[in-house]
Amino acid sequence: MAEHAGEHDSSKAAPLWGGRFSEVPTGELERFGASLPVDQRLWREDIAGSKAHATMLAAQGIISEEDRDAIVAGLDGIARDIASGGLTFDVEESEDIHMAIEGELTRRIGAAGGRLHTGRSRNDQVALDFRLACMRMSRELEGAVAGLAQALLGRAESEFGVVMPGYTHLQPAQPVLFSHHMLAYFWMMMRDACRLEQAHDAASASPLGAAALAGTTYPLDRAAVARDLGMGSVIPNSMDAVSDRDFALDLLYACAVCQVHLSRLCEELVLWSSAEFGFVEMDDAHSTGSSIMPQKKNPDFAELVRGKCGRSCGDLMSLLMTLKGTPLTYDKDLQEDKEGVLDAYDTLLGSLHAVTGMVATMRVKGERMREASHEGYMAATDLADYLVGKGMPFREAHGVVGRIVAECVERGITLQQLTVDELREHSELFDEDALAAIDIDAVVARRTTYGGTGHDAVRRQLAEAKDALAELEGRLEA
């Protein structure tokens, strides 16, 4: 603006709340207080909410049908112009997207535009728009989660039978099927989808009709507005309606947990694609090189997703701290509710698309995984179980096999390289079938308990995963 902070520009249109004031904030203070740069992304929700409100007002006889038709047509025209880029808003003209659209509507259709706000406050209007946006974002994120789940399931099916090391403390523990490992992340995505669904449902309650905080004297049909907007219920307390942001916390929590899951997966992709592991090779399109070292192929996008986890967790903590000291009902602090949610949504959506591409296109090096499965003495538990099967108490068997492993470490050999005679030096219970007990494929196959890594157990898990994904996709299509 040309004027300095504190000066009043008499040529500027008075704000929609300006009747009480002889001066209004200008300059830096005006820009500081404005939410338009953030909430302009909610223009679709604002228009949808206003159309539903106008329709209800006319149905209740509060405004005329002619005014309703003019309002709806005017809002549709504004929506077309915003979508095409022909209409933009400036913070020097409007504080927020709600005032911007109402001001533009009044300029276009005259007095009828001024009747739109009957029985409504910006407090319940803002809460409604934000809830509608959270419903939309939850659904979009849930769809992206389903896409990654499909990619994980696809790799679990296509790489079935590939054996890899399983780890605890990042130390070799027991061999598992690569499919089993992928399905572990699949089930994380299913839980993330449930959290996003719950966030959607939490947002699907209409605050419109609460007005500023105490309700209104107009005979509004709040339930009709909720139905028109596809919302599941009406908030029963007007004070809670305008001040509640729990639904935003629910969405932020769902985003943060999902981002943590992606970070864990990306950490493994970074490790697996290193020369030391060599389990996978990232597709060129999901890697970058070095400006100085020609040989480098860096898993940059996996690292970036891992790094973005801090943003999502920070967005959740930020809103928690914003809300902790706000008394009922509406306070300007609540203007800070949207930026973190939009950031978490953007961050997670981009991360989901990136990780889906990585999982779908990476090259799995099955032979290297199998080779690594013979390292680290990962069949030791099965060797102890063999002795238990011959009658030895498990604790004694544990000690015997521990001494065998110590000998292998000293000699620099694997358990599978031992002969039966060498095993019998540690216990007479070892027989010719002892070597079969520590065959890597046999070790994996014996884990037949429900949820285990055995081939039969994983086949059952694959079938359940397909059913779970089909249920999720059906819910999204409904």
Protein backbone atom coordinates (compact mmCIF):
# COMPACT_ATOMS: atom_id res chain seq x y z
CA MET A 1 0.00 0.00 0.00
CA ALA A 2 1.13 3.55 -0.67
CA GLU A 3 0.15 4.88 2.75
CA HIS A 4 2.29 4.37 5.83
CA ALA A 5 1.19 2.17 8.72
CA GLY A 6 -1.29 4.05 10.86
CA GLU A 7 -2.53 6.33 8.08
CA HIS A 8 -6.11 5.92 6.83
CA ASP A 9 -6.85 5.63 3.12
CA SER A 10 -10.34 7.12 2.74
CA SER A 11 -10.55 5.81 -0.83
CA LYS A 12 -10.39 2.21 0.32
CA ALA A 13 -13.66 0.37 0.83
CA ALA A 14 -14.62 -0.06 4.46
CA PRO A 15 -14.27 -3.58 5.80
CA LEU A 16 -17.42 -5.64 6.31
CA TRP A 17 -17.10 -5.09 10.06
CA GLY A 18 -16.21 -1.39 9.83
CA GLY A 19 -19.38 0.29 11.13
CA ARG A 20 -18.10 0.46 14.69
CA PHE A 21 -14.66 1.83 13.72
CA SER A 22 -13.41 5.21 12.57
CA GLU A 23 -9.97 3.79 11.76
CA VAL A 24 -8.87 0.38 10.50
CA PRO A 25 -5.51 -1.42 10.57
CA THR A 26 -3.31 -0.54 7.61
CA GLY A 27 0.12 -1.27 6.23
CA GLU A 28 2.24 -3.86 7.98
CA LEU A 29 -0.35 -4.41 10.72
CA GLU A 30 -3.04 -5.10 8.14
CA ARG A 31 -0.85 -7.63 6.39
CA PHE A 32 0.10 -9.20 9.70
CA GLY A 33 -3.53 -9.73 10.65
CA ALA A 34 -4.71 -10.96 7.27
CA SER A 35 -5.28 -14.66 6.65
CA LEU A 36 -6.00 -14.35 2.92
CA PRO A 37 -2.59 -15.67 1.79
CA VAL A 38 -3.41 -18.95 3.56
CA ASP A 39 -7.19 -19.33 3.54
CA GLN A 40 -7.66 -18.37 -0.11
CA ARG A 41 -7.10 -22.07 -0.77
CA LEU A 42 -10.51 -22.66 0.83
CA TRP A 43 -12.44 -20.68 -1.78
CA ARG A 44 -14.30 -23.73 -3.08
CA GLU A 45 -15.48 -24.62 0.40
CA ASP A 46 -16.50 -21.03 1.12
CA ILE A 47 -18.62 -20.87 -2.01
CA ALA A 48 -20.20 -24.27 -1.33
CA GLY A 49 -21.06 -23.26 2.23
CA SER A 50 -22.51 -19.93 1.14
CA LYS A 51 -24.69 -21.55 -1.52
CA ALA A 52 -26.03 -24.03 1.01
CA HIS A 53 -26.68 -21.21 3.49
CA ALA A 54 -28.51 -19.10 0.90
CA THR A 55 -30.61 -22.09 -0.17
CA MET A 56 -31.62 -22.71 3.42
CA LEU A 57 -32.40 -19.03 4.07
CA ALA A 58 -34.80 -19.01 1.13
CA ALA A 59 -36.40 -22.30 2.18
CA GLN A 60 -37.03 -20.80 5.63
CA GLY A 61 -38.51 -17.63 4.15
CA ILE A 62 -35.70 -15.48 5.55
CA ILE A 63 -34.64 -14.21 2.11
CA SER A 64 -36.57 -14.27 -1.14
CA GLU A 65 -36.15 -16.90 -3.82
CA GLU A 66 -35.04 -14.13 -6.17
CA ASP A 67 -32.24 -13.17 -3.80
CA ARG A 68 -31.27 -16.84 -3.45
CA ASP A 69 -31.10 -17.28 -7.22
CA ALA A 70 -29.02 -14.13 -7.60
CA ILE A 71 -26.67 -15.22 -4.81
CA VAL A 72 -26.19 -18.74 -6.19
CA ALA A 73 -25.66 -17.50 -9.75
CA GLY A 74 -23.24 -14.84 -8.52
CA LEU A 75 -21.26 -17.35 -6.48
CA ASP A 76 -21.11 -19.76 -9.43
CA GLY A 77 -19.72 -16.95 -11.58
CA ILE A 78 -17.11 -16.11 -8.97
CA ALA A 79 -16.12 -19.79 -8.76
CA ARG A 80 -15.64 -19.97 -12.52
CA ASP A 81 -13.53 -16.83 -12.54
CA ILE A 82 -11.33 -17.97 -9.65
CA ALA A 83 -10.85 -21.40 -11.23
CA SER A 84 -9.85 -19.88 -14.57
CA GLY A 85 -7.44 -17.41 -12.96
CA GLY A 86 -9.53 -14.45 -14.06
CA LEU A 87 -10.26 -13.37 -10.50
CA THR A 88 -7.66 -12.99 -7.79
CA PHE A 89 -7.77 -11.31 -4.40
CA ASP A 90 -5.35 -8.97 -2.71
CA VAL A 91 -4.64 -8.71 1.00
CA GLU A 92 -4.79 -4.94 0.65
CA GLU A 93 -8.43 -5.28 -0.35
CA SER A 94 -9.63 -8.21 1.74
CA GLU A 95 -8.62 -9.64 5.10
CA ASP A 96 -9.64 -13.19 4.29
CA ILE A 97 -11.21 -15.29 1.55
CA HIS A 98 -14.65 -15.09 3.19
CA MET A 99 -14.79 -11.29 3.09
CA ALA A 100 -13.19 -11.27 -0.35
CA ILE A 101 -15.87 -13.48 -1.89
CA GLU A 102 -18.76 -11.72 -0.14
CA GLY A 103 -17.41 -8.34 -1.19
CA GLU A 104 -17.05 -9.48 -4.79
CA LEU A 105 -20.56 -10.96 -4.71
CA THR A 106 -22.06 -7.69 -3.50
CA ARG A 107 -20.21 -5.78 -6.22
CA ARG A 108 -21.69 -8.11 -8.80
CA ILE A 109 -25.30 -8.53 -7.67
CA GLY A 110 -25.90 -5.57 -5.38
CA ALA A 111 -28.09 -5.63 -2.28
CA ALA A 112 -28.87 -9.35 -2.53
CA GLY A 113 -25.22 -10.04 -1.81
CA GLY A 114 -25.52 -8.19 1.47
CA ARG A 115 -28.31 -10.54 2.57
CA LEU A 116 -26.15 -13.64 2.29
CA HIS A 117 -24.65 -13.15 5.75
CA THR A 118 -28.05 -13.13 7.45
CA GLY A 119 -28.00 -15.45 10.46
CA ARG A 120 -24.32 -16.17 9.98
CA SER A 121 -21.06 -14.99 11.55
CA ARG A 122 -17.57 -15.35 10.20
CA ASN A 123 -16.96 -17.53 13.24
CA ASP A 124 -19.29 -20.31 12.13
CA GLN A 125 -18.57 -19.62 8.45
CA VAL A 126 -14.82 -20.06 8.92
CA ALA A 127 -15.32 -23.21 11.00
CA LEU A 128 -17.58 -24.66 8.31
CA ASP A 129 -15.16 -23.91 5.47
CA PHE A 130 -12.27 -25.42 7.39
CA ARG A 131 -14.25 -28.55 8.23
CA LEU A 132 -15.23 -29.02 4.59
CA ALA A 133 -11.60 -28.58 3.56
CA CYS A 134 -10.45 -31.13 6.14
CA MET A 135 -13.05 -33.59 4.84
CA ARG A 136 -11.73 -33.14 1.31
CA MET A 137 -8.07 -33.37 2.30
CA SER A 138 -8.67 -36.49 4.39
CA ARG A 139 -10.30 -38.22 1.44
CA GLU A 140 -7.53 -37.20 -0.97
CA LEU A 141 -4.84 -38.41 1.40
CA GLU A 142 -6.71 -41.65 1.98
CA GLY A 143 -6.71 -42.22 -1.78
CA ALA A 144 -2.96 -41.63 -1.95
CA VAL A 145 -2.44 -44.03 0.96
CA ALA A 146 -4.43 -46.64 -0.96
CA GLY A 147 -2.11 -46.08 -3.93
CA LEU A 148 0.99 -46.79 -1.85
CA ALA A 149 -0.70 -49.80 -0.25
CA GLN A 150 -1.37 -51.16 -3.74
CA ALA A 151 2.30 -50.70 -4.68
CA LEU A 152 3.46 -52.49 -1.52
CA LEU A 153 1.03 -55.33 -2.11
CA GLY A 154 2.16 -55.58 -5.72
CA ARG A 155 5.80 -55.99 -4.69
CA ALA A 156 4.84 -58.53 -2.04
CA GLU A 157 3.14 -60.60 -4.74
CA SER A 158 5.73 -60.19 -7.49
CA GLU A 159 8.71 -60.96 -5.20
CA PHE A 160 7.06 -63.84 -3.35
CA GLY A 161 9.67 -66.41 -2.27
CA VAL A 162 12.58 -63.94 -2.01
CA VAL A 163 14.31 -64.45 1.34
CA MET A 164 16.02 -61.60 3.15
CA PRO A 165 17.50 -60.95 6.57
CA GLY A 166 15.17 -59.76 9.28
CA TYR A 167 16.69 -57.47 11.90
CA THR A 168 16.34 -56.44 15.50
CA HIS A 169 18.53 -53.59 16.75
CA LEU A 170 19.61 -53.40 13.07
CA GLN A 171 21.51 -56.63 13.68
CA PRO A 172 20.80 -59.82 11.69
CA ALA A 173 18.13 -61.77 13.56
CA GLN A 174 16.10 -64.27 11.53
CA PRO A 175 15.42 -64.72 7.82
CA VAL A 176 12.05 -63.56 6.50
CA LEU A 177 10.29 -63.33 3.19
CA PHE A 178 10.71 -59.98 1.46
CA SER A 179 6.95 -60.18 0.87
CA HIS A 180 6.43 -60.32 4.64
CA HIS A 181 8.54 -57.20 5.07
CA MET A 182 6.56 -55.29 2.44
CA LEU A 183 3.28 -56.36 4.01
CA ALA A 184 4.37 -54.93 7.34
CA TYR A 185 4.30 -51.50 5.70
CA PHE A 186 1.07 -52.38 3.91
CA TRP A 187 -0.68 -52.85 7.25
CA MET A 188 0.75 -49.54 8.47
CA MET A 189 -0.93 -47.91 5.48
CA MET A 190 -4.21 -49.61 6.34
CA ARG A 191 -4.06 -48.13 9.83
CA ASP A 192 -3.19 -44.74 8.35
CA ALA A 193 -6.25 -44.99 6.11
CA CYS A 194 -8.40 -45.69 9.18
CA ARG A 195 -7.00 -42.65 10.97
CA LEU A 196 -7.70 -40.47 7.93
CA GLU A 197 -11.23 -41.88 7.73
CA GLN A 198 -11.74 -41.00 11.40
CA ALA A 199 -10.40 -37.49 10.76
CA HIS A 200 -12.88 -37.13 7.89
CA ASP A 201 -15.75 -38.20 10.12
CA ALA A 202 -14.65 -35.87 12.91
CA ALA A 203 -14.74 -32.91 10.50
CA SER A 204 -18.13 -33.93 9.12
CA ALA A 205 -20.20 -32.00 11.66
CA SER A 206 -21.72 -28.66 10.72
CA PRO A 207 -21.17 -25.58 12.89
CA LEU A 208 -23.21 -23.28 10.65
CA GLY A 209 -26.03 -21.66 12.58
CA ALA A 210 -23.96 -21.19 15.71
CA ALA A 211 -23.33 -17.65 14.45
CA ALA A 212 -20.78 -15.78 16.56
CA LEU A 213 -21.12 -18.03 19.61
CA ALA A 214 -24.69 -18.03 20.96
CA GLY A 215 -26.81 -19.05 17.99
CA THR A 216 -29.20 -16.69 16.20
CA THR A 217 -32.77 -15.42 16.37
CA TYR A 218 -33.47 -16.44 12.77
CA PRO A 219 -35.34 -19.74 12.24
CA LEU A 220 -32.42 -21.55 10.59
CA ASP A 221 -32.59 -25.18 9.51
CA ARG A 222 -29.10 -26.27 10.46
CA ALA A 223 -29.72 -29.90 9.56
CA ALA A 224 -30.71 -28.95 6.02
CA VAL A 225 -27.40 -27.17 5.49
CA ALA A 226 -25.49 -30.17 6.83
CA ARG A 227 -27.35 -32.53 4.48
CA ASP A 228 -26.82 -30.22 1.51
CA LEU A 229 -23.07 -30.22 2.17
CA GLY A 230 -22.82 -33.98 2.73
CA MET A 231 -21.99 -33.63 6.41
CA GLY A 232 -22.95 -36.31 8.89
CA SER A 233 -24.28 -34.27 11.81
CA VAL A 234 -24.85 -30.86 13.37
CA ILE A 235 -22.77 -29.69 16.34
CA PRO A 236 -25.17 -29.45 19.33
CA ASN A 237 -23.46 -26.60 21.22
CA SER A 238 -22.98 -23.22 19.54
CA MET A 239 -19.98 -22.28 21.70
CA ASP A 240 -18.23 -25.55 20.95
CA ALA A 241 -19.15 -25.21 17.28
CA VAL A 242 -17.14 -22.04 16.68
CA SER A 243 -14.17 -22.88 18.93
CA ASP A 244 -13.59 -26.60 18.32
CA ARG A 245 -10.51 -27.51 16.31
CA ASP A 246 -10.21 -31.11 17.48
CA PHE A 247 -11.00 -32.26 13.96
CA ALA A 248 -7.92 -30.41 12.70
CA LEU A 249 -5.79 -32.09 15.36
CA ASP A 250 -7.20 -35.44 14.27
CA LEU A 251 -6.12 -34.78 10.69
CA LEU A 252 -2.72 -33.50 11.77
CA TYR A 253 -2.19 -36.58 13.94
CA ALA A 254 -3.14 -38.87 11.07
CA CYS A 255 -0.72 -37.01 8.79
CA ALA A 256 2.09 -37.11 11.34
CA VAL A 257 1.77 -40.85 11.99
CA CYS A 258 1.61 -41.64 8.28
CA GLN A 259 4.65 -39.45 7.64
CA VAL A 260 6.50 -41.34 10.40
CA HIS A 261 5.65 -44.60 8.64
CA LEU A 262 6.96 -43.24 5.36
CA SER A 263 10.11 -42.06 7.11
CA ARG A 264 10.72 -45.55 8.49
CA LEU A 265 10.25 -47.11 5.07
CA CYS A 266 12.51 -44.55 3.44
CA GLU A 267 15.18 -45.14 6.06
CA GLU A 268 15.22 -48.79 5.01
CA LEU A 269 15.28 -47.90 1.32
CA VAL A 270 18.28 -45.67 1.97
CA LEU A 271 20.06 -48.47 3.82
CA TRP A 272 19.07 -51.17 1.34
CA SER A 273 20.29 -49.15 -1.64
CA SER A 274 23.73 -48.59 -0.09
CA ALA A 275 26.72 -50.56 -1.35
CA GLU A 276 27.05 -52.22 2.04
CA PHE A 277 23.55 -53.72 1.83
CA GLY A 278 22.92 -53.84 -1.91
CA PHE A 279 19.39 -55.20 -1.46
CA VAL A 280 17.67 -52.82 -3.88
CA GLU A 281 18.56 -50.35 -6.58
CA MET A 282 16.45 -47.23 -6.85
CA ASP A 283 15.11 -46.31 -10.25
CA ASP A 284 17.03 -43.50 -11.96
CA ALA A 285 13.91 -41.33 -11.93
CA HIS A 286 13.86 -41.52 -8.13
CA SER A 287 17.57 -40.85 -7.61
CA THR A 288 20.04 -38.02 -8.15
CA GLY A 289 23.75 -37.78 -8.83
CA SER A 290 26.67 -35.82 -7.49
CA SER A 291 28.03 -32.56 -8.82
CA ILE A 292 31.60 -33.78 -8.29
CA MET A 293 31.54 -37.61 -8.00
CA PRO A 294 30.40 -39.18 -11.29
CA GLN A 295 29.81 -42.61 -9.77
CA LYS A 296 27.22 -41.51 -7.23
CA LYS A 297 23.56 -42.53 -7.30
CA ASN A 298 21.89 -40.97 -4.30
CA PRO A 299 18.46 -41.91 -2.86
CA ASP A 300 17.69 -38.21 -2.44
CA PHE A 301 13.91 -38.46 -2.57
CA ALA A 302 13.82 -41.16 0.10
CA GLU A 303 16.02 -38.95 2.26
CA LEU A 304 13.79 -35.94 1.61
CA VAL A 305 10.66 -37.82 2.66
CA ARG A 306 12.50 -38.89 5.80
CA GLY A 307 13.48 -35.29 6.47
CA LYS A 308 9.97 -33.94 5.92
CA CYS A 309 8.72 -36.01 8.84
CA GLY A 310 9.85 -33.19 11.13
CA ARG A 311 7.52 -30.75 9.38
CA SER A 312 4.44 -32.89 9.88
CA CYS A 313 5.19 -33.59 13.54
CA GLY A 314 5.91 -29.89 14.05
CA ASP A 315 2.59 -28.91 12.46
CA LEU A 316 0.75 -31.11 14.96
CA MET A 317 2.66 -29.71 17.92
CA SER A 318 2.14 -26.15 16.71
CA LEU A 319 -1.65 -26.39 16.70
CA LEU A 320 -1.68 -28.19 20.05
CA MET A 321 0.24 -25.28 21.57
CA THR A 322 -1.98 -22.72 19.84
CA LEU A 323 -5.11 -24.28 21.29
CA LYS A 324 -3.88 -24.92 24.82
CA GLY A 325 -4.52 -21.39 26.12
CA THR A 326 -7.54 -20.25 24.13
CA PRO A 327 -10.66 -19.56 26.23
CA LEU A 328 -14.13 -20.09 24.80
CA THR A 329 -15.17 -19.17 22.27
CA TYR A 330 -13.53 -17.74 19.15
CA ASP A 331 -10.15 -16.04 19.51
CA LYS A 332 -7.89 -14.64 16.81
CA ASP A 333 -5.38 -17.33 17.75
CA LEU A 334 -7.57 -19.76 15.80
CA GLN A 335 -6.55 -18.05 12.59
CA GLU A 336 -3.33 -20.05 13.02
CA ASP A 337 -5.20 -23.33 12.60
CA LYS A 338 -5.06 -23.66 8.81
CA GLU A 339 -1.47 -23.10 7.74
CA GLY A 340 -0.11 -26.14 9.58
CA VAL A 341 -2.92 -28.38 8.36
CA LEU A 342 -2.42 -27.29 4.76
CA ASP A 343 1.33 -27.79 5.11
CA ALA A 344 0.91 -31.26 6.58
CA TYR A 345 -1.51 -32.16 3.80
CA ASP A 346 0.84 -30.88 1.08
CA THR A 347 3.82 -32.60 2.66
CA LEU A 348 2.14 -35.96 3.09
CA LEU A 349 0.49 -35.97 -0.32
CA GLY A 350 3.79 -35.26 -2.05
CA SER A 351 5.59 -37.84 0.10
CA LEU A 352 3.01 -40.54 -0.63
CA HIS A 353 3.31 -40.01 -4.36
CA ALA A 354 7.12 -40.08 -4.16
CA VAL A 355 7.29 -43.25 -2.06
CA THR A 356 4.69 -45.00 -4.23
CA GLY A 357 6.92 -44.40 -7.24
CA MET A 358 10.01 -45.62 -5.41
CA VAL A 359 8.39 -48.85 -4.28
CA ALA A 360 6.84 -49.58 -7.66
CA THR A 361 10.03 -49.05 -9.67
CA MET A 362 12.92 -50.18 -7.43
CA ARG A 363 14.88 -53.26 -8.49
CA VAL A 364 14.93 -55.96 -5.81
CA LYS A 365 18.21 -57.89 -5.70
CA GLY A 366 16.96 -61.25 -4.51
CA GLU A 367 20.26 -63.11 -4.79
CA ARG A 368 22.06 -60.55 -2.65
CA MET A 369 19.29 -60.76 -0.05
CA ARG A 370 19.59 -64.55 0.03
CA GLU A 371 23.36 -64.32 0.38
CA ALA A 372 22.97 -61.93 3.31
CA SER A 373 20.48 -64.33 4.90
CA HIS A 374 23.33 -66.80 5.44
CA GLU A 375 25.34 -64.16 7.26
CA GLY A 376 24.80 -63.33 10.90
CA TYR A 377 23.97 -66.92 11.96
CA MET A 378 20.25 -66.28 11.57
CA ALA A 379 19.39 -70.00 11.73
CA ALA A 380 20.74 -70.25 15.29
CA THR A 381 17.28 -70.29 16.90
CA ASP A 382 16.22 -73.14 14.61
CA LEU A 383 19.33 -75.08 15.54
CA ALA A 384 18.40 -74.66 19.21
CA ASP A 385 14.82 -75.70 18.42
CA TYR A 386 16.25 -78.83 16.76
CA LEU A 387 17.91 -79.79 20.03
CA VAL A 388 14.71 -79.06 21.94
CA GLY A 389 12.94 -81.43 19.58
CA LYS A 390 15.48 -84.08 20.62
CA GLY A 391 14.62 -83.59 24.28
CA MET A 392 17.11 -80.96 25.45
CA PRO A 393 15.72 -78.09 27.58
CA PHE A 394 15.66 -74.83 25.62
CA ARG A 395 17.99 -72.93 27.95
CA GLU A 396 20.59 -75.67 27.63
CA ALA A 397 20.10 -75.77 23.87
CA HIS A 398 20.54 -71.99 23.78
CA GLY A 399 23.95 -72.34 25.43
CA VAL A 400 25.07 -75.16 23.13
CA VAL A 401 24.18 -73.19 19.99
CA GLY A 402 25.79 -70.08 21.41
CA ARG A 403 29.07 -71.96 21.67
CA ILE A 404 28.64 -73.24 18.10
CA VAL A 405 28.13 -69.69 16.84
CA ALA A 406 31.22 -68.53 18.75
CA GLU A 407 33.24 -71.22 17.01
CA CYS A 408 31.87 -70.18 13.60
CA VAL A 409 32.73 -66.56 14.29
CA GLU A 410 36.28 -67.55 15.21
CA ARG A 411 36.63 -69.67 12.05
CA GLY A 412 34.87 -67.14 9.81
CA ILE A 413 32.25 -69.57 8.49
CA THR A 414 28.45 -69.75 8.44
CA LEU A 415 26.33 -72.28 10.31
CA GLN A 416 25.45 -73.92 7.00
CA GLN A 417 29.14 -74.65 6.35
CA LEU A 418 29.43 -76.90 9.40
CA THR A 419 29.37 -80.68 9.01
CA VAL A 420 27.30 -83.01 11.12
CA ASP A 421 30.46 -84.33 12.79
CA GLU A 422 31.43 -80.79 13.79
CA LEU A 423 27.97 -80.26 15.26
CA ARG A 424 28.20 -83.52 17.19
CA GLU A 425 31.33 -82.24 18.91
CA HIS A 426 28.95 -79.94 20.79
CA SER A 427 26.10 -82.44 21.35
CA GLU A 428 25.47 -86.09 20.57
CA LEU A 429 21.85 -85.20 19.83
CA PHE A 430 22.79 -83.79 16.42
CA ASP A 431 22.02 -86.20 13.59
CA GLU A 432 22.10 -86.15 9.78
CA ASP A 433 18.86 -84.13 9.63
CA ALA A 434 20.44 -81.27 11.58
CA LEU A 435 21.73 -79.60 8.43
CA ALA A 436 18.26 -79.61 6.89
CA ALA A 437 17.00 -77.82 10.00
CA ILE A 438 19.16 -74.79 9.24
CA ASP A 439 18.48 -74.57 5.50
CA ILE A 440 17.40 -70.94 4.97
CA ASP A 441 14.26 -71.75 2.99
CA ALA A 442 13.26 -74.35 5.56
CA VAL A 443 13.89 -71.90 8.39
CA VAL A 444 11.49 -69.43 6.78
CA ALA A 445 8.89 -72.00 5.78
CA ARG A 446 8.55 -73.35 9.34
CA ARG A 447 7.15 -70.01 10.60
CA THR A 448 3.59 -71.13 9.95
CA THR A 449 1.81 -69.40 12.85
CA TYR A 450 -0.79 -66.81 11.85
CA GLY A 451 1.06 -63.59 11.02
CA GLY A 452 4.38 -65.38 10.62
CA THR A 453 6.83 -65.23 7.72
CA GLY A 454 6.36 -68.79 6.47
CA HIS A 455 5.26 -69.20 2.87
CA ASP A 456 1.82 -70.55 3.77
CA ALA A 457 1.27 -67.89 6.41
CA VAL A 458 2.26 -65.13 3.99
CA ARG A 459 -0.06 -66.53 1.31
CA ARG A 460 -2.90 -66.23 3.81
CA GLN A 461 -1.75 -62.72 4.70
CA LEU A 462 -1.70 -61.74 1.02
CA ALA A 463 -5.31 -62.83 0.66
CA GLU A 464 -6.32 -60.79 3.71
CA ALA A 465 -4.38 -57.80 2.41
CA LYS A 466 -6.22 -57.96 -0.92
CA ASP A 467 -9.55 -58.01 0.90
CA ALA A 468 -8.53 -55.07 3.09
CA LEU A 469 -7.40 -53.01 0.11
CA ALA A 470 -10.59 -53.82 -1.81
CA GLU A 471 -12.64 -52.66 1.17
CA LEU A 472 -10.67 -49.40 1.35
CA GLU A 473 -11.02 -48.75 -2.38
CA GLY A 474 -14.73 -49.50 -2.18
CA ARG A 475 -15.12 -47.00 0.65
CA LEU A 476 -13.32 -44.33 -1.36
CA GLU A 477 -15.48 -44.92 -4.40
CA ALA A 478 -18.74 -44.76 -2.42
